[in-house]
Structures are given as C-alpha cells and as structure tokens.
PDB file of all heavy atoms in Angstrom:
ATOM      1  N   LYS A   1      13.378 112.649 158.806  1.00  0.00           N
ATOM      2  CA  LYS A   1      13.703 111.880 157.615  1.00  0.00           C
ATOM      3  C   LYS A   1      14.469 112.707 156.594  1.00  0.00           C
ATOM      4  O   LYS A   1      15.316 112.204 155.876  1.00  0.00           O
ATOM      5  CB  LYS A   1      12.421 111.330 156.988  1.00  0.00           C
ATOM      6  CG  LYS A   1      11.734 110.266 157.836  1.00  0.00           C
ATOM      7  CD  LYS A   1      10.424 109.816 157.218  1.00  0.00           C
ATOM      8  CE  LYS A   1       9.714 108.795 158.097  1.00  0.00           C
ATOM      9  NZ  LYS A   1       8.399 108.398 157.539  1.00  0.00           N
ATOM     10  N   SER A   2      14.141 113.966 156.497  1.00  0.00           N
ATOM     11  CA  SER A   2      14.785 114.823 155.503  1.00  0.00           C
ATOM     12  C   SER A   2      16.122 115.364 155.980  1.00  0.00           C
ATOM     13  O   SER A   2      16.924 115.841 155.190  1.00  0.00           O
ATOM     14  CB  SER A   2      13.866 116.007 155.160  1.00  0.00           C
ATOM     15  OG  SER A   2      13.753 116.876 156.269  1.00  0.00           O
ATOM     16  N   GLY A   3      16.345 115.314 157.291  1.00  0.00           N
ATOM     17  CA  GLY A   3      17.566 115.897 157.838  1.00  0.00           C
ATOM     18  C   GLY A   3      17.439 117.379 158.053  1.00  0.00           C
ATOM     19  O   GLY A   3      18.410 118.039 158.389  1.00  0.00           O
ATOM     20  N   LEU A   4      16.237 117.934 157.844  1.00  0.00           N
ATOM     21  CA  LEU A   4      16.031 119.372 157.989  1.00  0.00           C
ATOM     22  C   LEU A   4      16.303 119.789 159.424  1.00  0.00           C
ATOM     23  O   LEU A   4      15.666 119.343 160.352  1.00  0.00           O
ATOM     24  CB  LEU A   4      14.578 119.722 157.616  1.00  0.00           C
ATOM     25  CG  LEU A   4      14.196 121.194 157.700  1.00  0.00           C
ATOM     26  CD1 LEU A   4      15.002 121.998 156.701  1.00  0.00           C
ATOM     27  CD2 LEU A   4      12.699 121.380 157.439  1.00  0.00           C
ATOM     28  N   GLY A   5      17.268 120.657 159.574  1.00  0.00           N
ATOM     29  CA  GLY A   5      17.572 121.168 160.905  1.00  0.00           C
ATOM     30  C   GLY A   5      18.638 120.377 161.632  1.00  0.00           C
ATOM     31  O   GLY A   5      19.360 120.925 162.462  1.00  0.00           O
ATOM     32  N   ILE A   6      18.764 119.111 161.356  1.00  0.00           N
ATOM     33  CA  ILE A   6      19.727 118.266 162.070  1.00  0.00           C
ATOM     34  C   ILE A   6      21.162 118.670 161.741  1.00  0.00           C
ATOM     35  O   ILE A   6      21.991 118.846 162.627  1.00  0.00           O
ATOM     36  CB  ILE A   6      19.496 116.774 161.742  1.00  0.00           C
ATOM     37  CG1 ILE A   6      18.165 116.313 162.345  1.00  0.00           C
ATOM     38  CG2 ILE A   6      20.649 115.925 162.269  1.00  0.00           C
ATOM     39  CD1 ILE A   6      17.829 114.870 162.040  1.00  0.00           C
ATOM     40  N   GLU A   7      21.450 118.821 160.451  1.00  0.00           N
ATOM     41  CA  GLU A   7      22.811 119.141 160.047  1.00  0.00           C
ATOM     42  C   GLU A   7      23.219 120.532 160.543  1.00  0.00           C
ATOM     43  O   GLU A   7      24.375 120.747 160.929  1.00  0.00           O
ATOM     44  CB  GLU A   7      22.946 119.066 158.523  1.00  0.00           C
ATOM     45  CG  GLU A   7      24.372 119.208 158.023  1.00  0.00           C
ATOM     46  CD  GLU A   7      25.311 118.154 158.606  1.00  0.00           C
ATOM     47  OE1 GLU A   7      24.865 117.009 158.856  1.00  0.00           O
ATOM     48  OE2 GLU A   7      26.489 118.487 158.831  1.00  0.00           O
ATOM     49  N   ALA A   8      22.274 121.469 160.521  1.00  0.00           N
ATOM     50  CA  ALA A   8      22.574 122.821 161.004  1.00  0.00           C
ATOM     51  C   ALA A   8      22.941 122.791 162.483  1.00  0.00           C
ATOM     52  O   ALA A   8      23.899 123.450 162.912  1.00  0.00           O
ATOM     53  CB  ALA A   8      21.379 123.739 160.773  1.00  0.00           C
ATOM     54  N   GLN A   9      22.189 122.005 163.278  1.00  0.00           N
ATOM     55  CA  GLN A   9      22.506 121.877 164.696  1.00  0.00           C
ATOM     56  C   GLN A   9      23.853 121.194 164.890  1.00  0.00           C
ATOM     57  O   GLN A   9      24.660 121.602 165.729  1.00  0.00           O
ATOM     58  CB  GLN A   9      21.413 121.072 165.402  1.00  0.00           C
ATOM     59  CG  GLN A   9      20.064 121.768 165.471  1.00  0.00           C
ATOM     60  CD  GLN A   9      19.020 120.908 166.154  1.00  0.00           C
ATOM     61  OE1 GLN A   9      19.199 120.480 167.287  1.00  0.00           O
ATOM     62  NE2 GLN A   9      17.916 120.651 165.456  1.00  0.00           N
ATOM     63  N   ARG A  10      24.089 120.158 164.099  1.00  0.00           N
ATOM     64  CA  ARG A  10      25.350 119.418 164.226  1.00  0.00           C
ATOM     65  C   ARG A  10      26.552 120.328 163.953  1.00  0.00           C
ATOM     66  O   ARG A  10      27.545 120.300 164.681  1.00  0.00           O
ATOM     67  CB  ARG A  10      25.335 118.234 163.260  1.00  0.00           C
ATOM     68  CG  ARG A  10      26.611 117.412 163.275  1.00  0.00           C
ATOM     69  CD  ARG A  10      26.506 116.221 162.356  1.00  0.00           C
ATOM     70  NE  ARG A  10      25.565 115.234 162.861  1.00  0.00           N
ATOM     71  CZ  ARG A  10      24.543 114.734 162.158  1.00  0.00           C
ATOM     72  NH1 ARG A  10      24.327 115.132 160.915  1.00  0.00           N
ATOM     73  NH2 ARG A  10      23.745 113.829 162.689  1.00  0.00           N
ATOM     74  N   GLN A  11      26.441 121.131 162.916  1.00  0.00           N
ATOM     75  CA  GLN A  11      27.546 122.021 162.564  1.00  0.00           C
ATOM     76  C   GLN A  11      27.742 123.111 163.613  1.00  0.00           C
ATOM     77  O   GLN A  11      28.878 123.475 163.931  1.00  0.00           O
ATOM     78  CB  GLN A  11      27.297 122.642 161.188  1.00  0.00           C
ATOM     79  CG  GLN A  11      27.385 121.638 160.048  1.00  0.00           C
ATOM     80  CD  GLN A  11      27.264 122.295 158.686  1.00  0.00           C
ATOM     81  OE1 GLN A  11      27.333 123.511 158.566  1.00  0.00           O
ATOM     82  NE2 GLN A  11      27.084 121.489 157.660  1.00  0.00           N
ATOM     83  N   ALA A  12      26.637 123.632 164.149  1.00  0.00           N
ATOM     84  CA  ALA A  12      26.741 124.669 165.185  1.00  0.00           C
ATOM     85  C   ALA A  12      27.454 124.129 166.421  1.00  0.00           C
ATOM     86  O   ALA A  12      28.305 124.799 167.012  1.00  0.00           O
ATOM     87  CB  ALA A  12      25.349 125.183 165.543  1.00  0.00           C
ATOM     88  N   ILE A  13      27.096 122.902 166.807  1.00  0.00           N
ATOM     89  CA  ILE A  13      27.722 122.287 167.976  1.00  0.00           C
ATOM     90  C   ILE A  13      29.192 121.994 167.704  1.00  0.00           C
ATOM     91  O   ILE A  13      30.057 122.204 168.562  1.00  0.00           O
ATOM     92  CB  ILE A  13      26.962 121.007 168.372  1.00  0.00           C
ATOM     93  CG1 ILE A  13      25.572 121.361 168.913  1.00  0.00           C
ATOM     94  CG2 ILE A  13      27.754 120.200 169.410  1.00  0.00           C
ATOM     95  CD1 ILE A  13      24.682 120.160 169.153  1.00  0.00           C
ATOM     96  N   ALA A  14      29.488 121.505 166.493  1.00  0.00           N
ATOM     97  CA  ALA A  14      30.879 121.184 166.145  1.00  0.00           C
ATOM     98  C   ALA A  14      31.758 122.434 166.178  1.00  0.00           C
ATOM     99  O   ALA A  14      32.886 122.400 166.689  1.00  0.00           O
ATOM    100  CB  ALA A  14      30.930 120.537 164.756  1.00  0.00           C
ATOM    101  N   ARG A  15      31.243 123.534 165.635  1.00  0.00           N
ATOM    102  CA  ARG A  15      32.024 124.778 165.644  1.00  0.00           C
ATOM    103  C   ARG A  15      32.243 125.270 167.071  1.00  0.00           C
ATOM    104  O   ARG A  15      33.330 125.713 167.431  1.00  0.00           O
ATOM    105  CB  ARG A  15      31.302 125.855 164.828  1.00  0.00           C
ATOM    106  CG  ARG A  15      31.468 125.717 163.335  1.00  0.00           C
ATOM    107  CD  ARG A  15      31.040 126.999 162.630  1.00  0.00           C
ATOM    108  NE  ARG A  15      29.649 127.310 162.900  1.00  0.00           N
ATOM    109  CZ  ARG A  15      28.632 126.845 162.188  1.00  0.00           C
ATOM    110  NH1 ARG A  15      28.858 126.046 161.159  1.00  0.00           N
ATOM    111  NH2 ARG A  15      27.389 127.175 162.480  1.00  0.00           N
ATOM    112  N   PHE A  16      31.181 125.188 167.883  1.00  0.00           N
ATOM    113  CA  PHE A  16      31.286 125.636 169.270  1.00  0.00           C
ATOM    114  C   PHE A  16      32.313 124.795 170.026  1.00  0.00           C
ATOM    115  O   PHE A  16      33.150 125.336 170.755  1.00  0.00           O
ATOM    116  CB  PHE A  16      29.918 125.533 169.945  1.00  0.00           C
ATOM    117  CG  PHE A  16      29.926 125.944 171.386  1.00  0.00           C
ATOM    118  CD1 PHE A  16      29.793 127.277 171.746  1.00  0.00           C
ATOM    119  CD2 PHE A  16      30.080 125.004 172.397  1.00  0.00           C
ATOM    120  CE1 PHE A  16      29.809 127.666 173.076  1.00  0.00           C
ATOM    121  CE2 PHE A  16      30.095 125.386 173.728  1.00  0.00           C
ATOM    122  CZ  PHE A  16      29.956 126.718 174.064  1.00  0.00           C
ATOM    123  N   ALA A  17      32.241 123.480 169.853  1.00  0.00           N
ATOM    124  CA  ALA A  17      33.166 122.589 170.555  1.00  0.00           C
ATOM    125  C   ALA A  17      34.608 122.836 170.106  1.00  0.00           C
ATOM    126  O   ALA A  17      35.533 122.864 170.922  1.00  0.00           O
ATOM    127  CB  ALA A  17      32.770 121.137 170.308  1.00  0.00           C
ATOM    128  N   SER A  18      34.794 123.027 168.810  1.00  0.00           N
ATOM    129  CA  SER A  18      36.144 123.260 168.282  1.00  0.00           C
ATOM    130  C   SER A  18      36.723 124.566 168.823  1.00  0.00           C
ATOM    131  O   SER A  18      37.881 124.615 169.245  1.00  0.00           O
ATOM    132  CB  SER A  18      36.091 123.308 166.755  1.00  0.00           C
ATOM    133  OG  SER A  18      37.363 123.611 166.215  1.00  0.00           O
ATOM    134  N   THR A  19      35.904 125.606 168.837  1.00  0.00           N
ATOM    135  CA  THR A  19      36.364 126.903 169.334  1.00  0.00           C
ATOM    136  C   THR A  19      36.691 126.835 170.824  1.00  0.00           C
ATOM    137  O   THR A  19      37.650 127.457 171.295  1.00  0.00           O
ATOM    138  CB  THR A  19      35.296 127.987 169.100  1.00  0.00           C
ATOM    139  OG1 THR A  19      35.019 128.065 167.700  1.00  0.00           O
ATOM    140  CG2 THR A  19      35.753 129.343 169.595  1.00  0.00           C
ATOM    141  N   GLY A  20      35.885 126.071 171.570  1.00  0.00           N
ATOM    142  CA  GLY A  20      36.093 125.985 173.010  1.00  0.00           C
ATOM    143  C   GLY A  20      37.061 124.908 173.440  1.00  0.00           C
ATOM    144  O   GLY A  20      37.244 124.672 174.647  1.00  0.00           O
ATOM    145  N   GLY A  21      37.657 124.214 172.481  1.00  0.00           N
ATOM    146  CA  GLY A  21      38.606 123.167 172.816  1.00  0.00           C
ATOM    147  C   GLY A  21      37.966 121.966 173.474  1.00  0.00           C
ATOM    148  O   GLY A  21      38.536 121.351 174.376  1.00  0.00           O
ATOM    149  N   MET A  22      36.771 121.605 173.020  1.00  0.00           N
ATOM    150  CA  MET A  22      36.045 120.465 173.586  1.00  0.00           C
ATOM    151  C   MET A  22      36.051 119.293 172.614  1.00  0.00           C
ATOM    152  O   MET A  22      36.094 119.480 171.399  1.00  0.00           O
ATOM    153  CB  MET A  22      34.594 120.842 173.895  1.00  0.00           C
ATOM    154  CG  MET A  22      34.428 121.918 174.938  1.00  0.00           C
ATOM    155  SD  MET A  22      32.663 122.276 175.234  1.00  0.00           S
ATOM    156  CE  MET A  22      32.806 123.535 176.517  1.00  0.00           C
ATOM    157  N   GLU A  23      35.963 118.110 173.159  1.00  0.00           N
ATOM    158  CA  GLU A  23      35.867 116.891 172.360  1.00  0.00           C
ATOM    159  C   GLU A  23      34.477 116.287 172.545  1.00  0.00           C
ATOM    160  O   GLU A  23      34.079 115.963 173.675  1.00  0.00           O
ATOM    161  CB  GLU A  23      36.928 115.876 172.768  1.00  0.00           C
ATOM    162  CG  GLU A  23      36.825 114.568 172.002  1.00  0.00           C
ATOM    163  CD  GLU A  23      37.769 113.508 172.528  1.00  0.00           C
ATOM    164  OE1 GLU A  23      38.553 113.812 173.460  1.00  0.00           O
ATOM    165  OE2 GLU A  23      37.708 112.365 172.023  1.00  0.00           O
ATOM    166  N   VAL A  24      33.729 116.135 171.472  1.00  0.00           N
ATOM    167  CA  VAL A  24      32.397 115.539 171.543  1.00  0.00           C
ATOM    168  C   VAL A  24      32.544 114.020 171.543  1.00  0.00           C
ATOM    169  O   VAL A  24      32.967 113.418 170.553  1.00  0.00           O
ATOM    170  CB  VAL A  24      31.516 115.988 170.364  1.00  0.00           C
ATOM    171  CG1 VAL A  24      30.167 115.277 170.416  1.00  0.00           C
ATOM    172  CG2 VAL A  24      31.321 117.507 170.398  1.00  0.00           C
TER     173      VAL A  24
END
C-alpha cells in the first residue's frame, strides 16, 4: 500500500533493461 520497495525495484529493473538494450 505504501509503495515501499516497489519503486526501488522498478527503477533498478528499468536501468538494467535500458543499459542492456531491452524493452520491458
């Protein structure tokens, strides 16, 4: 409900995908 941890995971995945040339 608070979003605790969710946004951090989302950003980590987004950065990884962007660096690796992946499309989520």
